[in-house]
């Protein structure tokens, strides 16, 4: 058999036609390009999904954990409403409703003459739960007087720390019908 090329065969074949040895340069190039494009699309998708968290970090948002949870839920459930809610929480600062309420509580405490509550660093609610030794607590959460036994607190009678505005306005001797 002779190694001569057939006279009708072209002298040069394009690179996308596989050679006789099985090497396909076009297939290799397209496979590498496809892998790179898929990775870049995935990085872009995850970058967009982390946008609410990055905005919350940058603005030092108080709802950072909520925003992060919403972004992760949106990522895994493909629920766009959660992602939109997360980005709205990251961009829009919620109004401060705690400061005015604390100011109102301080003003009412000043007007009624009630003492400032002692705050335990472990308990942010400010209510005495009776965790201190030898302290009884009545229904309102205040420490019961030491001279009374547990369960003998005067529930219906006002004391010095109870505001007088809770009393009835009207005749006391009238019976309900």
Protein backbone atom coordinates (compact mmCIF):
# COMPACT_ATOMS: atom_id res chain seq x y z
CA UNK A 1 0.00 0.00 0.00
CA UNK A 2 1.25 3.37 -0.87
CA UNK A 3 1.29 6.45 1.43
CA UNK A 4 0.34 8.75 -1.39
CA UNK A 5 -2.61 11.08 -0.86
CA UNK A 6 -5.55 10.67 -3.17
CA UNK A 7 -5.55 13.37 -5.83
CA UNK A 8 -9.04 14.63 -4.90
CA UNK A 9 -8.24 14.95 -1.16
CA UNK A 10 -7.48 18.49 0.07
CA UNK A 11 -3.94 19.25 1.16
CA UNK A 12 -5.03 20.97 4.39
CA UNK A 13 -7.91 19.92 6.69
CA UNK A 14 -9.63 22.45 9.03
CA UNK A 15 -8.75 22.17 12.74
CA UNK A 16 -12.28 21.13 13.79
CA UNK A 17 -12.11 17.87 11.86
CA UNK A 18 -10.70 15.07 13.97
CA UNK A 19 -7.52 13.54 12.79
CA UNK A 20 -6.85 9.88 12.28
CA UNK A 21 -5.11 9.63 15.66
CA UNK A 22 -8.39 10.53 17.48
CA UNK A 23 -7.26 13.92 18.84
CA UNK A 24 -10.11 16.43 18.54
CA UNK A 25 -8.86 19.96 19.25
CA UNK A 26 -12.28 21.59 18.75
CA UNK A 27 -13.96 19.26 21.26
CA UNK A 28 -11.25 19.89 23.85
CA UNK A 29 -11.48 23.68 23.43
CA UNK A 30 -15.29 23.72 23.66
CA UNK A 31 -15.26 21.44 26.74
CA UNK A 32 -12.79 23.72 28.54
CA UNK A 33 -14.79 26.83 27.54
CA UNK A 34 -18.04 25.23 28.74
CA UNK A 35 -16.56 24.34 32.15
CA UNK A 36 -15.19 27.89 32.57
CA UNK A 37 -18.52 29.50 31.57
CA UNK A 38 -20.53 27.26 33.94
CA UNK A 39 -18.18 28.11 36.83
CA UNK A 40 -18.37 31.85 36.03
CA UNK A 41 -22.19 31.74 35.87
CA UNK A 42 -22.28 29.93 39.24
CA UNK A 43 -19.94 32.49 40.83
CA UNK A 44 -22.06 35.35 39.45
CA UNK A 45 -25.27 33.70 40.73
CA UNK A 46 -23.84 33.21 44.23
CA UNK A 47 -22.41 36.75 44.17
CA UNK A 48 -25.86 38.18 43.37
CA UNK A 49 -27.49 36.00 46.06
CA UNK A 50 -25.05 37.28 48.69
CA UNK A 51 -25.80 40.92 47.82
CA UNK A 52 -28.28 41.48 50.72
CA UNK A 53 -25.81 40.06 53.25
CA UNK A 54 -22.95 42.19 51.94
CA UNK A 55 -25.14 45.30 52.07
CA UNK A 56 -26.17 44.49 55.65
CA UNK A 57 -22.52 43.97 56.65
CA UNK A 58 -21.52 47.25 55.04
CA UNK A 59 -24.30 49.22 56.77
CA UNK A 60 -23.84 47.35 60.07
CA UNK A 61 -27.50 46.39 60.09
CA UNK A 62 -29.21 45.18 63.25
CA UNK A 63 -31.11 42.51 61.33
CA UNK A 64 -28.01 40.88 59.86
CA UNK A 65 -28.98 37.37 60.95
CA UNK A 66 -32.52 37.72 59.58
CA UNK A 67 -31.18 38.99 56.26
CA UNK A 68 -28.67 36.15 56.07
CA UNK A 69 -31.35 33.52 56.79
CA UNK A 70 -33.69 35.00 54.16
CA UNK A 71 -30.88 35.05 51.57
CA UNK A 72 -29.96 31.41 52.25
CA UNK A 73 -33.62 30.33 52.15
CA UNK A 74 -34.05 32.14 48.85
CA UNK A 75 -30.93 30.43 47.52
CA UNK A 76 -32.08 26.90 48.38
CA UNK A 77 -35.81 27.29 47.69
CA UNK A 78 -35.50 29.52 44.59
CA UNK A 79 -38.16 31.76 46.14
CA UNK A 80 -37.45 35.24 44.79
CA UNK A 81 -39.83 36.91 47.25
CA UNK A 82 -37.52 35.96 50.14
CA UNK A 83 -34.52 37.44 48.33
CA UNK A 84 -36.42 40.65 47.59
CA UNK A 85 -37.48 40.85 51.25
CA UNK A 86 -33.86 40.33 52.34
CA UNK A 87 -32.57 43.07 50.08
CA UNK A 88 -35.33 45.45 51.22
CA UNK A 89 -34.42 44.78 54.87
CA UNK A 90 -30.77 45.42 54.05
CA UNK A 91 -31.42 48.69 52.21
CA UNK A 92 -34.28 50.22 54.22
CA UNK A 93 -33.54 51.05 57.85
CA UNK A 94 -36.46 50.06 60.10
CA UNK A 95 -37.86 52.77 62.36
CA UNK A 96 -36.64 52.87 65.95
CA UNK A 97 -39.69 52.07 68.08
CA UNK A 98 -37.86 50.95 71.21
CA UNK A 99 -36.33 54.32 72.13
CA UNK A 100 -39.66 56.22 72.25
CA UNK A 101 -41.24 53.38 74.26
CA UNK A 102 -38.36 53.47 76.76
CA UNK A 103 -38.72 57.24 77.00
CA UNK A 104 -42.46 56.90 77.68
CA UNK A 105 -41.78 54.25 80.35
CA UNK A 106 -39.18 56.46 82.05
CA UNK A 107 -41.57 59.44 81.98
CA UNK A 108 -44.39 57.37 83.48
CA UNK A 109 -42.04 56.01 86.15
CA UNK A 110 -41.02 59.58 87.01
CA UNK A 111 -44.64 60.78 87.13
CA UNK A 112 -45.77 57.94 89.41
CA UNK A 113 -42.69 58.11 91.62
CA UNK A 114 -41.76 54.49 91.00
CA UNK A 115 -38.09 53.58 91.46
CA UNK A 116 -35.94 52.69 88.48
CA UNK A 117 -35.90 48.92 87.92
CA UNK A 118 -32.61 47.19 88.52
CA UNK A 119 -31.44 45.46 85.35
CA UNK A 120 -29.69 42.13 85.57
CA UNK A 121 -27.18 41.80 82.70
CA UNK A 122 -28.31 38.19 82.18
CA UNK A 123 -31.99 39.17 82.04
CA UNK A 124 -32.81 42.00 79.64
CA UNK A 125 -36.53 42.07 80.49
CA UNK A 126 -35.99 43.89 83.80
CA UNK A 127 -38.43 41.61 85.66
CA UNK A 128 -37.32 40.06 88.91
CA UNK A 129 -37.99 36.36 88.50
CA UNK A 130 -37.14 35.42 92.08
CA UNK A 131 -33.77 33.93 91.22
CA UNK A 132 -32.10 35.74 94.13
CA UNK A 133 -31.94 33.78 97.40
CA UNK A 134 -34.58 34.50 100.08
CA UNK A 135 -36.66 36.76 97.84
CA UNK A 136 -40.34 36.02 97.28
CA UNK A 137 -42.05 37.36 94.16
CA UNK A 138 -45.71 38.31 93.91
CA UNK A 139 -47.89 38.09 90.79
CA UNK A 140 -46.67 41.39 89.32
CA UNK A 141 -43.03 40.28 89.39
CA UNK A 142 -42.07 42.63 92.26
CA UNK A 143 -40.38 41.34 95.38
CA UNK A 144 -42.94 40.65 98.11
CA UNK A 145 -42.41 42.32 101.51
CA UNK A 146 -40.22 40.30 103.86
CA UNK A 147 -42.82 40.27 106.66
CA UNK A 148 -45.39 38.41 104.54
CA UNK A 149 -45.20 34.74 103.75
CA UNK A 150 -45.26 33.41 100.22
CA UNK A 151 -48.79 33.47 98.80
CA UNK A 152 -50.03 36.14 101.21
CA UNK A 153 -49.41 39.12 98.94
CA UNK A 154 -52.29 41.62 98.83
CA UNK A 155 -53.36 41.26 95.20
CA UNK A 156 -56.23 43.75 95.10
CA UNK A 157 -54.79 46.42 97.43
CA UNK A 158 -52.55 49.14 96.00
CA UNK A 159 -49.18 49.71 97.61
CA UNK A 160 -46.70 52.56 97.30
CA UNK A 161 -45.25 51.29 94.03
CA UNK A 162 -48.63 50.74 92.31
CA UNK A 163 -49.94 53.71 90.31
CA UNK A 164 -53.26 55.10 91.57
CA UNK A 165 -54.67 55.38 88.04
CA UNK A 166 -55.84 51.77 88.10
CA UNK A 167 -58.60 52.40 90.69
CA UNK A 168 -62.28 52.58 89.66
CA UNK A 169 -63.92 55.92 89.09
CA UNK A 170 -67.38 55.70 90.59
CA UNK A 171 -69.34 54.52 93.59
CA UNK A 172 -67.73 51.58 95.32
CA UNK A 173 -70.95 50.22 96.92
CA UNK A 174 -72.77 49.60 93.64
CA UNK A 175 -73.21 45.92 92.83
CA UNK A 176 -73.06 44.64 89.23
CA UNK A 177 -76.38 43.50 87.80
